[in-house]
Amino acid sequence: MNRGLQGRYVPASVVGENVQAFVPAPLPPQPPIRWTPELRSKFDQALVALGRLDTVSTLLPDTSVFLYTYLRKEAVLSSMIEGTQSSLSDLLLFELNQAPGVPLDDVREVSNYVAALTYGLNRIAEGFPVSLRLFKEIHGILLARGRGSSQTPGEFRNSQNWIGGTRPGNAAYVPPPANQVLECMGRLELFLHDQPEPASVLLKAALTHVQFETIHPFLDGNGRLGRLLITLLLCEQKVLREPLLYLSLYFKTHRQAYYELINNVSLTGDWEAWLDFFAEAVIVTATQAVDTARQLLDVSKEDRKRIGSLGRAAGSTLQVQQALLERPIATAGWIVRNTGITPATVNKSLAHLEQLGIVRELTARKRNRLFSYTRYVDIMNRGIELP
C-alpha cells in the first residue's frame, strides 16, 4: 500500500554540508494497516510458531543450558550484520580467557551484546517496562568496551549521524537532527505504552523495530539494539517465557530485502510489505529454534545412552557431559571447578568422551587443555558461517 512519505524532510547542517534529514511520522501508521486475508493469515501463523517455540522451553530438561549458547549465537549474528568477524567459538574462547582467532575488539563487541541482552532481560523479569530509560541502560552496556566506547554509551546522540556513504552529502539516509531525537523517541515510547491506541505485541514489535532504526537515536549500536528490542518486547508481554526468538539470522540471510523494506516504509508508507517480511521472519526463525532445541535434545540423549555403556565410569562421565552441554567449549580446569570432580577423574572422563567421538580436544598441551562438544557446536554453528 502506498501511503506516501511517512514523515517530513528538514534541513540540517553537518560538517559544513547542508542536507535533508528525515523525521518519521509517529506510530501507528496513518491510514491504518490494511489487513488483507493473506497478511492476517501470515500473522496468525507467526503467533502459532511462537506458541510452539514457547512450548519447547517446557520440554527442555534445563532451558538455561540451551539458552546460554543460543543467546551467544544471536550475539554473534547480530554483530556480524554490523561487520564483526567473531565466530561462536571465538566468543566461547574469549569467555574462558582463551585467545580467540580474530581481533579482540570484534569479540569484545559480541561479548558486550551478550551482557546488554542479559541485562535487559533481567530488568524486564524484575518488572521494569520497555522504555527510553531501559534503551539507554542497555545501550550503555552494549558500548561499554571496545570500538563503540567513545560514542557516548547510554546517551541519545547530540550530533547528526548518517547511514551509508562517506559523508552526509552522499549518505543513503540521514536520520532526524539531534534536537528532534528526544521528541521522536518520546512518541515511540507512548506507542509502546499503548498510546494513542493499543496494538498486538507482534505488530508492536514489527512497527517499533522500523521506527527505532529510522530514528537512529544513538551514535552507534542502533542496529544491534533495534534487533534486541524485538525479543525484549515478546518477553515483556509474556508471549515467550524464555528469550528464544532471535531474528538476526533471517535478517542477515535476507539483508538486501531487509534494508529495502525498511527504507520503503519511510518513502512510500508500505508497512504491509514490511509486516509480511517480519511475520515470515518470525515463522522461519521460530521453526528453526524448535528444530535446533530438538536436535540438541536428541544429541544429548543419544550420547547419554552411549556413555551408559561405560560401566563404573559412566557416572562421572555423565557429569562431565552435562557440564559440556552448559559450555560446549571448555577447559578441563573449568569442568573441574564446575562439577566438583577431581582433575584425575575429569581427565579420565574426557578421555572416555574422546574415545566415543563425543568430544574433541582443541589443544595439544598438558595444561589448560581445551575441549569441544563437537556435535553440539556443529548444530549451533549453522547459519554463522563467516562470509
Protein backbone atom coordinates (compact mmCIF):
# COMPACT_ATOMS: atom_id res chain seq x y z
CA MET A 1 0.00 0.00 0.00
CA ASN A 2 1.36 3.42 -0.94
CA ARG A 3 0.63 5.99 1.77
CA GLY A 4 3.29 8.39 0.51
CA LEU A 5 6.14 9.80 2.58
CA GLN A 6 5.88 8.68 6.24
CA GLY A 7 7.30 11.82 7.77
CA ARG A 8 8.98 15.00 6.61
CA TYR A 9 12.39 16.21 5.48
CA VAL A 10 14.01 19.03 7.44
CA PRO A 11 17.19 20.95 6.63
CA ALA A 12 20.26 20.03 8.67
CA SER A 13 23.83 21.25 8.55
CA VAL A 14 26.57 18.67 9.12
CA VAL A 15 30.30 19.41 8.92
CA GLY A 16 29.66 22.32 6.59
CA GLU A 17 27.21 20.44 4.35
CA ASN A 18 23.52 21.23 4.06
CA VAL A 19 21.48 18.03 3.93
CA GLN A 20 17.85 16.93 4.23
CA ALA A 21 17.29 14.87 7.39
CA PHE A 22 14.21 12.67 7.69
CA VAL A 23 11.85 12.93 10.67
CA PRO A 24 9.39 9.99 10.73
CA ALA A 25 5.71 10.44 11.49
CA PRO A 26 4.69 8.96 14.88
CA LEU A 27 3.17 5.50 15.18
CA PRO A 28 0.69 3.98 14.50
CA PRO A 29 0.70 4.34 10.69
CA GLN A 30 -1.95 6.56 9.09
CA PRO A 31 -4.09 5.46 7.37
CA PRO A 32 -4.19 2.25 9.45
CA ILE A 33 -2.63 -1.06 8.38
CA ARG A 34 -4.64 -2.75 5.63
CA TRP A 35 -5.12 -6.28 6.90
CA THR A 36 -5.64 -8.42 3.81
CA PRO A 37 -6.65 -12.05 4.44
CA GLU A 38 -3.10 -13.09 3.39
CA LEU A 39 -1.39 -10.73 5.84
CA ARG A 40 -3.78 -11.67 8.66
CA SER A 41 -3.10 -15.36 7.95
CA LYS A 42 0.68 -14.76 7.99
CA PHE A 43 0.47 -13.06 11.41
CA ASP A 44 -1.71 -15.89 12.73
CA GLN A 45 0.91 -18.41 11.52
CA ALA A 46 3.63 -16.38 13.24
CA LEU A 47 1.74 -16.48 16.54
CA VAL A 48 1.27 -20.26 16.21
CA ALA A 49 5.02 -20.64 15.56
CA LEU A 50 5.77 -18.55 18.65
CA GLY A 51 3.41 -20.72 20.67
CA ARG A 52 5.26 -23.86 19.57
CA LEU A 53 8.57 -22.23 20.45
CA ASP A 54 7.29 -21.26 23.89
CA THR A 55 6.16 -24.87 24.47
CA VAL A 56 9.63 -26.17 23.62
CA SER A 57 11.03 -24.29 26.61
CA THR A 58 8.90 -26.55 28.83
CA LEU A 59 10.19 -29.73 27.11
CA LEU A 60 13.87 -28.99 27.65
CA PRO A 61 15.18 -30.55 30.89
CA ASP A 62 17.25 -27.42 31.57
CA THR A 63 16.36 -24.41 29.44
CA SER A 64 19.29 -22.39 30.80
CA VAL A 65 21.73 -24.87 29.24
CA PHE A 66 20.22 -24.29 25.79
CA LEU A 67 19.82 -20.54 26.32
CA TYR A 68 23.46 -19.96 27.24
CA THR A 69 24.74 -20.91 23.80
CA TYR A 70 21.65 -19.84 21.84
CA LEU A 71 21.82 -16.30 23.20
CA ARG A 72 25.50 -16.16 22.23
CA LYS A 73 24.68 -17.34 18.73
CA GLU A 74 22.32 -14.35 18.40
CA ALA A 75 25.04 -12.01 19.69
CA VAL A 76 27.44 -13.30 17.03
CA LEU A 77 24.88 -12.98 14.22
CA SER A 78 23.61 -9.53 15.20
CA SER A 79 27.17 -8.22 15.47
CA MET A 80 28.09 -9.90 12.17
CA ILE A 81 25.48 -7.77 10.37
CA GLU A 82 27.45 -4.76 11.64
CA GLY A 83 30.70 -6.15 10.22
CA THR A 84 32.40 -8.03 13.08
CA GLN A 85 34.24 -11.25 12.24
CA SER A 86 33.81 -13.15 15.51
CA SER A 87 32.52 -16.74 15.44
CA LEU A 88 30.62 -18.53 18.21
CA SER A 89 33.79 -20.47 19.07
CA ASP A 90 35.76 -17.20 19.30
CA LEU A 91 33.24 -15.84 21.80
CA LEU A 92 33.25 -19.02 23.92
CA LEU A 93 37.08 -18.99 23.94
CA PHE A 94 37.09 -15.30 24.96
CA GLU A 95 34.77 -16.06 27.88
CA LEU A 96 37.22 -18.74 29.02
CA ASN A 97 40.09 -16.21 28.86
CA GLN A 98 41.49 -18.13 25.90
CA ALA A 99 42.85 -16.38 22.80
CA PRO A 100 40.21 -16.09 20.03
CA GLY A 101 41.27 -16.36 16.40
CA VAL A 102 40.05 -12.87 15.43
CA PRO A 103 40.79 -9.28 16.58
CA LEU A 104 39.93 -8.79 20.25
CA ASP A 105 37.70 -5.77 19.52
CA ASP A 106 35.40 -7.97 17.39
CA VAL A 107 34.90 -10.48 20.20
CA ARG A 108 34.55 -7.73 22.82
CA GLU A 109 31.73 -6.23 20.77
CA VAL A 110 29.90 -9.58 20.72
CA SER A 111 30.56 -10.09 24.43
CA ASN A 112 29.05 -6.63 25.12
CA TYR A 113 25.93 -7.70 23.21
CA VAL A 114 25.55 -10.78 25.44
CA ALA A 115 25.89 -8.59 28.54
CA ALA A 116 23.40 -6.00 27.20
CA LEU A 117 20.77 -8.58 26.26
CA THR A 118 21.15 -10.40 29.58
CA TYR A 119 20.82 -7.10 31.46
CA GLY A 120 17.68 -6.11 29.53
CA LEU A 121 16.05 -9.49 30.13
CA ASN A 122 16.83 -9.31 33.85
CA ARG A 123 15.34 -5.81 34.10
CA ILE A 124 12.14 -6.99 32.38
CA ALA A 125 11.96 -10.02 34.68
CA GLU A 126 12.07 -7.55 37.60
CA GLY A 127 9.01 -5.80 36.13
CA PHE A 128 10.78 -2.84 34.52
CA PRO A 129 8.95 -1.69 31.34
CA VAL A 130 10.43 -1.42 27.85
CA SER A 131 11.08 2.33 27.87
CA LEU A 132 13.55 5.05 26.89
CA ARG A 133 15.33 4.61 30.21
CA LEU A 134 15.78 0.89 29.52
CA PHE A 135 17.04 1.63 25.98
CA LYS A 136 19.70 3.92 27.43
CA GLU A 137 20.71 1.47 30.16
CA ILE A 138 21.09 -1.38 27.66
CA HIS A 139 22.98 0.86 25.22
CA GLY A 140 25.40 1.84 27.99
CA ILE A 141 26.35 -1.84 28.37
CA LEU A 142 26.35 -2.54 24.62
CA LEU A 143 29.03 0.10 24.02
CA ALA A 144 30.82 -0.19 27.36
CA ARG A 145 34.07 -1.57 25.95
CA GLY A 146 35.79 -1.73 22.59
CA ARG A 147 35.13 0.22 19.41
CA GLY A 148 31.91 1.98 20.44
CA SER A 149 33.06 3.14 23.88
CA SER A 150 33.80 6.66 22.58
CA GLN A 151 30.30 7.01 21.05
CA THR A 152 28.52 8.36 24.18
CA PRO A 153 27.26 4.99 25.56
CA GLY A 154 23.87 5.23 27.27
CA GLU A 155 23.00 8.65 25.80
CA PHE A 156 20.91 9.72 22.84
CA ARG A 157 23.07 11.42 20.27
CA ASN A 158 23.65 15.17 20.38
CA SER A 159 25.09 15.36 16.86
CA GLN A 160 23.91 14.35 13.41
CA ASN A 161 24.62 10.83 12.14
CA TRP A 162 24.08 9.25 8.73
CA ILE A 163 23.86 5.81 7.14
CA GLY A 164 25.87 4.74 4.10
CA GLY A 165 28.20 6.98 2.16
CA THR A 166 31.44 8.62 3.23
CA ARG A 167 29.83 11.87 4.42
CA PRO A 168 26.32 13.28 5.00
CA GLY A 169 26.19 14.71 1.46
CA ASN A 170 26.38 11.29 -0.21
CA ALA A 171 24.70 9.26 2.54
CA ALA A 172 22.00 6.73 1.73
CA TYR A 173 19.93 8.05 4.65
CA VAL A 174 20.14 10.93 7.13
CA PRO A 175 18.10 10.36 10.35
CA PRO A 176 16.39 13.15 12.33
CA PRO A 177 18.52 16.06 13.58
CA ALA A 178 19.83 15.58 17.12
CA ASN A 179 17.47 18.23 18.54
CA GLN A 180 14.46 16.17 17.38
CA VAL A 181 15.61 12.75 18.62
CA LEU A 182 14.10 13.05 22.09
CA GLU A 183 10.69 14.10 20.74
CA CYS A 184 10.70 11.22 18.21
CA MET A 185 11.72 8.71 20.88
CA GLY A 186 9.17 10.11 23.33
CA ARG A 187 6.40 9.43 20.81
CA LEU A 188 7.76 5.93 20.23
CA GLU A 189 7.64 5.31 23.99
CA LEU A 190 3.99 6.42 24.07
CA PHE A 191 3.22 3.92 21.30
CA LEU A 192 4.99 1.17 23.27
CA HIS A 193 2.72 2.02 26.21
CA ASP A 194 -0.46 1.79 24.07
CA GLN A 195 -0.93 5.50 23.37
CA PRO A 196 -2.76 6.72 21.37
CA GLU A 197 -4.16 3.17 20.95
CA PRO A 198 -3.18 -0.41 21.86
CA ALA A 199 -1.55 -2.75 19.34
CA SER A 200 -0.97 -6.50 19.47
CA VAL A 201 2.50 -7.39 20.67
CA LEU A 202 3.75 -8.85 17.37
CA LEU A 203 2.53 -5.80 15.44
CA LYS A 204 4.06 -3.54 18.08
CA ALA A 205 7.43 -5.31 17.79
CA ALA A 206 7.40 -5.07 13.97
CA LEU A 207 6.46 -1.37 13.88
CA THR A 208 8.78 -0.39 16.74
CA HIS A 209 11.79 -2.03 15.10
CA VAL A 210 11.39 0.05 11.93
CA GLN A 211 10.68 3.27 13.84
CA PHE A 212 13.72 2.78 16.07
CA GLU A 213 16.01 2.15 13.08
CA THR A 214 14.54 5.17 11.26
CA ILE A 215 15.16 7.50 14.21
CA HIS A 216 18.65 6.01 14.79
CA PRO A 217 18.77 7.66 18.23
CA PHE A 218 22.34 6.68 19.17
CA LEU A 219 25.67 7.41 17.52
CA ASP A 220 26.46 3.70 17.32
CA GLY A 221 24.80 0.35 18.12
CA ASN A 222 21.35 1.21 16.70
CA GLY A 223 21.08 -1.94 14.56
CA ARG A 224 22.02 -4.31 17.36
CA LEU A 225 19.76 -2.59 19.90
CA GLY A 226 16.87 -2.43 17.41
CA ARG A 227 17.05 -6.20 16.85
CA LEU A 228 17.39 -6.86 20.55
CA LEU A 229 14.21 -4.87 21.28
CA ILE A 230 12.08 -7.42 19.39
CA THR A 231 12.98 -10.18 21.86
CA LEU A 232 12.63 -7.87 24.87
CA LEU A 233 9.09 -6.90 23.82
CA LEU A 234 8.00 -10.52 23.33
CA CYS A 235 9.34 -11.42 26.77
CA GLU A 236 7.86 -8.33 28.46
CA GLN A 237 4.42 -9.13 27.02
CA LYS A 238 4.78 -12.80 28.11
CA VAL A 239 4.45 -14.13 24.54
CA LEU A 240 7.64 -16.05 25.32
CA ARG A 241 8.59 -17.30 28.77
CA GLU A 242 12.21 -17.58 27.68
CA PRO A 243 14.15 -15.38 25.21
CA LEU A 244 14.24 -17.96 22.42
CA LEU A 245 13.41 -15.87 19.34
CA TYR A 246 16.19 -14.02 17.53
CA LEU A 247 15.66 -12.71 14.01
CA SER A 248 19.26 -11.74 13.17
CA LEU A 249 19.95 -14.89 11.12
CA TYR A 250 16.90 -14.23 8.92
CA PHE A 251 17.78 -10.53 8.58
CA LYS A 252 21.39 -11.46 7.72
CA THR A 253 20.30 -14.03 5.13
CA HIS A 254 17.84 -11.56 3.52
CA ARG A 255 19.88 -8.44 4.22
CA GLN A 256 19.10 -6.58 0.99
CA ALA A 257 15.33 -7.10 1.27
CA TYR A 258 15.50 -6.15 4.98
CA TYR A 259 17.09 -2.74 4.27
CA GLU A 260 14.95 -2.05 1.19
CA LEU A 261 11.68 -2.77 3.01
CA ILE A 262 12.61 -0.50 5.95
CA ASN A 263 13.60 2.24 3.51
CA ASN A 264 10.35 1.80 1.53
CA VAL A 265 8.30 2.30 4.69
CA SER A 266 9.72 5.83 5.02
CA LEU A 267 9.44 6.68 1.32
CA THR A 268 6.08 5.13 0.39
CA GLY A 269 4.44 4.01 3.64
CA ASP A 270 4.33 0.38 2.53
CA TRP A 271 4.08 -1.04 6.04
CA GLU A 272 2.23 -4.10 4.77
CA ALA A 273 5.21 -5.41 2.76
CA TRP A 274 7.43 -4.98 5.82
CA LEU A 275 4.89 -6.74 8.07
CA ASP A 276 4.68 -9.69 5.66
CA PHE A 277 8.50 -9.97 5.73
CA PHE A 278 8.58 -9.65 9.53
CA ALA A 279 5.92 -12.33 10.06
CA GLU A 280 7.80 -14.67 7.70
CA ALA A 281 10.99 -14.00 9.68
CA VAL A 282 9.20 -14.98 12.89
CA ILE A 283 7.74 -18.17 11.35
CA VAL A 284 11.07 -19.33 9.87
CA THR A 285 13.15 -18.38 12.91
CA ALA A 286 10.79 -19.86 15.50
CA THR A 287 10.60 -23.11 13.50
CA GLN A 288 14.41 -23.23 13.26
CA ALA A 289 14.72 -22.66 17.01
CA VAL A 290 12.30 -25.53 17.74
CA ASP A 291 14.29 -27.80 15.40
CA THR A 292 17.59 -26.78 16.99
CA ALA A 293 16.30 -27.44 20.51
CA ARG A 294 15.01 -30.88 19.48
CA GLN A 295 18.27 -31.75 17.72
CA LEU A 296 20.30 -30.80 20.81
CA LEU A 297 17.94 -32.81 23.00
CA ASP A 298 18.36 -35.84 20.70
CA VAL A 299 22.17 -35.49 20.69
CA SER A 300 22.22 -35.29 24.48
CA LYS A 301 20.01 -38.38 24.84
CA GLU A 302 21.98 -40.41 22.27
CA ASP A 303 25.27 -39.51 23.93
CA ARG A 304 23.95 -40.31 27.40
CA LYS A 305 22.95 -43.75 26.15
CA ARG A 306 26.45 -44.35 24.75
CA ILE A 307 28.07 -43.10 27.95
CA GLY A 308 25.86 -45.53 29.89
CA SER A 309 27.82 -48.41 28.32
CA LEU A 310 30.98 -47.37 30.18
CA GLY A 311 30.00 -49.20 33.35
CA ARG A 312 31.50 -47.77 36.56
CA ALA A 313 32.97 -44.78 34.72
CA ALA A 314 29.54 -43.74 33.42
CA GLY A 315 28.50 -41.65 36.47
CA SER A 316 31.36 -39.14 36.41
CA THR A 317 31.45 -39.10 32.59
CA LEU A 318 27.76 -38.15 32.51
CA GLN A 319 28.51 -35.26 34.87
CA VAL A 320 31.26 -34.05 32.54
CA GLN A 321 28.91 -34.35 29.56
CA GLN A 322 26.31 -32.28 31.43
CA ALA A 323 28.92 -29.58 32.10
CA LEU A 324 29.80 -29.54 28.40
CA LEU A 325 26.12 -29.12 27.49
CA GLU A 326 26.29 -25.92 29.54
CA ARG A 327 29.57 -24.76 27.96
CA PRO A 328 30.19 -26.70 24.73
CA ILE A 329 33.77 -25.39 24.55
CA ALA A 330 35.53 -25.65 27.90
CA THR A 331 38.87 -26.28 29.55
CA ALA A 332 39.43 -29.31 31.76
CA GLY A 333 40.02 -26.83 34.61
CA TRP A 334 36.64 -25.17 34.08
CA ILE A 335 34.94 -28.59 34.19
CA VAL A 336 36.77 -29.43 37.45
CA ARG A 337 35.64 -26.15 39.05
CA ASN A 338 32.03 -26.51 37.90
CA THR A 339 31.47 -30.17 38.69
CA GLY A 340 33.50 -30.57 41.88
CA ILE A 341 35.03 -33.74 40.37
CA THR A 342 38.77 -34.31 40.86
CA PRO A 343 41.10 -33.36 37.99
CA ALA A 344 42.16 -37.01 37.55
CA THR A 345 38.54 -38.17 37.18
CA VAL A 346 37.67 -35.30 34.82
CA ASN A 347 40.64 -36.21 32.62
CA LYS A 348 39.62 -39.88 32.57
CA SER A 349 36.04 -38.90 31.70
CA LEU A 350 37.24 -36.63 28.89
CA ALA A 351 39.37 -39.49 27.55
CA HIS A 352 36.25 -41.71 27.51
CA LEU A 353 34.27 -38.99 25.71
CA GLU A 354 37.06 -38.60 23.15
CA GLN A 355 37.12 -42.35 22.51
CA LEU A 356 33.36 -42.31 21.98
CA GLY A 357 33.78 -39.43 19.49
CA ILE A 358 31.61 -37.13 21.62
CA VAL A 359 34.27 -34.51 22.40
CA ARG A 360 37.38 -33.36 20.59
CA GLU A 361 40.46 -31.78 22.13
CA LEU A 362 41.22 -28.42 20.51
CA THR A 363 44.70 -28.11 22.02
CA ALA A 364 47.70 -30.38 22.16
CA ARG A 365 49.16 -29.48 25.52
CA LYS A 366 49.38 -30.87 29.03
CA ARG A 367 47.90 -27.90 30.91
CA ASN A 368 44.73 -25.89 30.21
CA ARG A 369 43.55 -28.41 27.66
CA LEU A 370 40.53 -27.23 25.72
CA PHE A 371 37.66 -29.47 24.61
CA SER A 372 34.72 -29.07 22.24
CA TYR A 373 31.39 -30.92 22.36
CA THR A 374 31.59 -31.48 18.62
CA ARG A 375 28.01 -32.20 17.51
CA TYR A 376 26.57 -29.58 19.86
CA VAL A 377 28.87 -26.88 18.45
CA ASP A 378 28.17 -28.00 14.86
CA ILE A 379 24.40 -27.67 15.37
CA MET A 380 24.75 -24.21 16.94
CA ASN A 381 27.13 -23.04 14.22
CA ARG A 382 24.58 -23.45 11.44
CA GLY A 383 23.98 -20.08 9.83
CA ILE A 384 27.00 -18.43 11.44
CA GLU A 385 29.46 -19.26 8.69
CA LEU A 386 31.69 -16.26 8.20
CA PRO A 387 31.28 -14.55 4.81
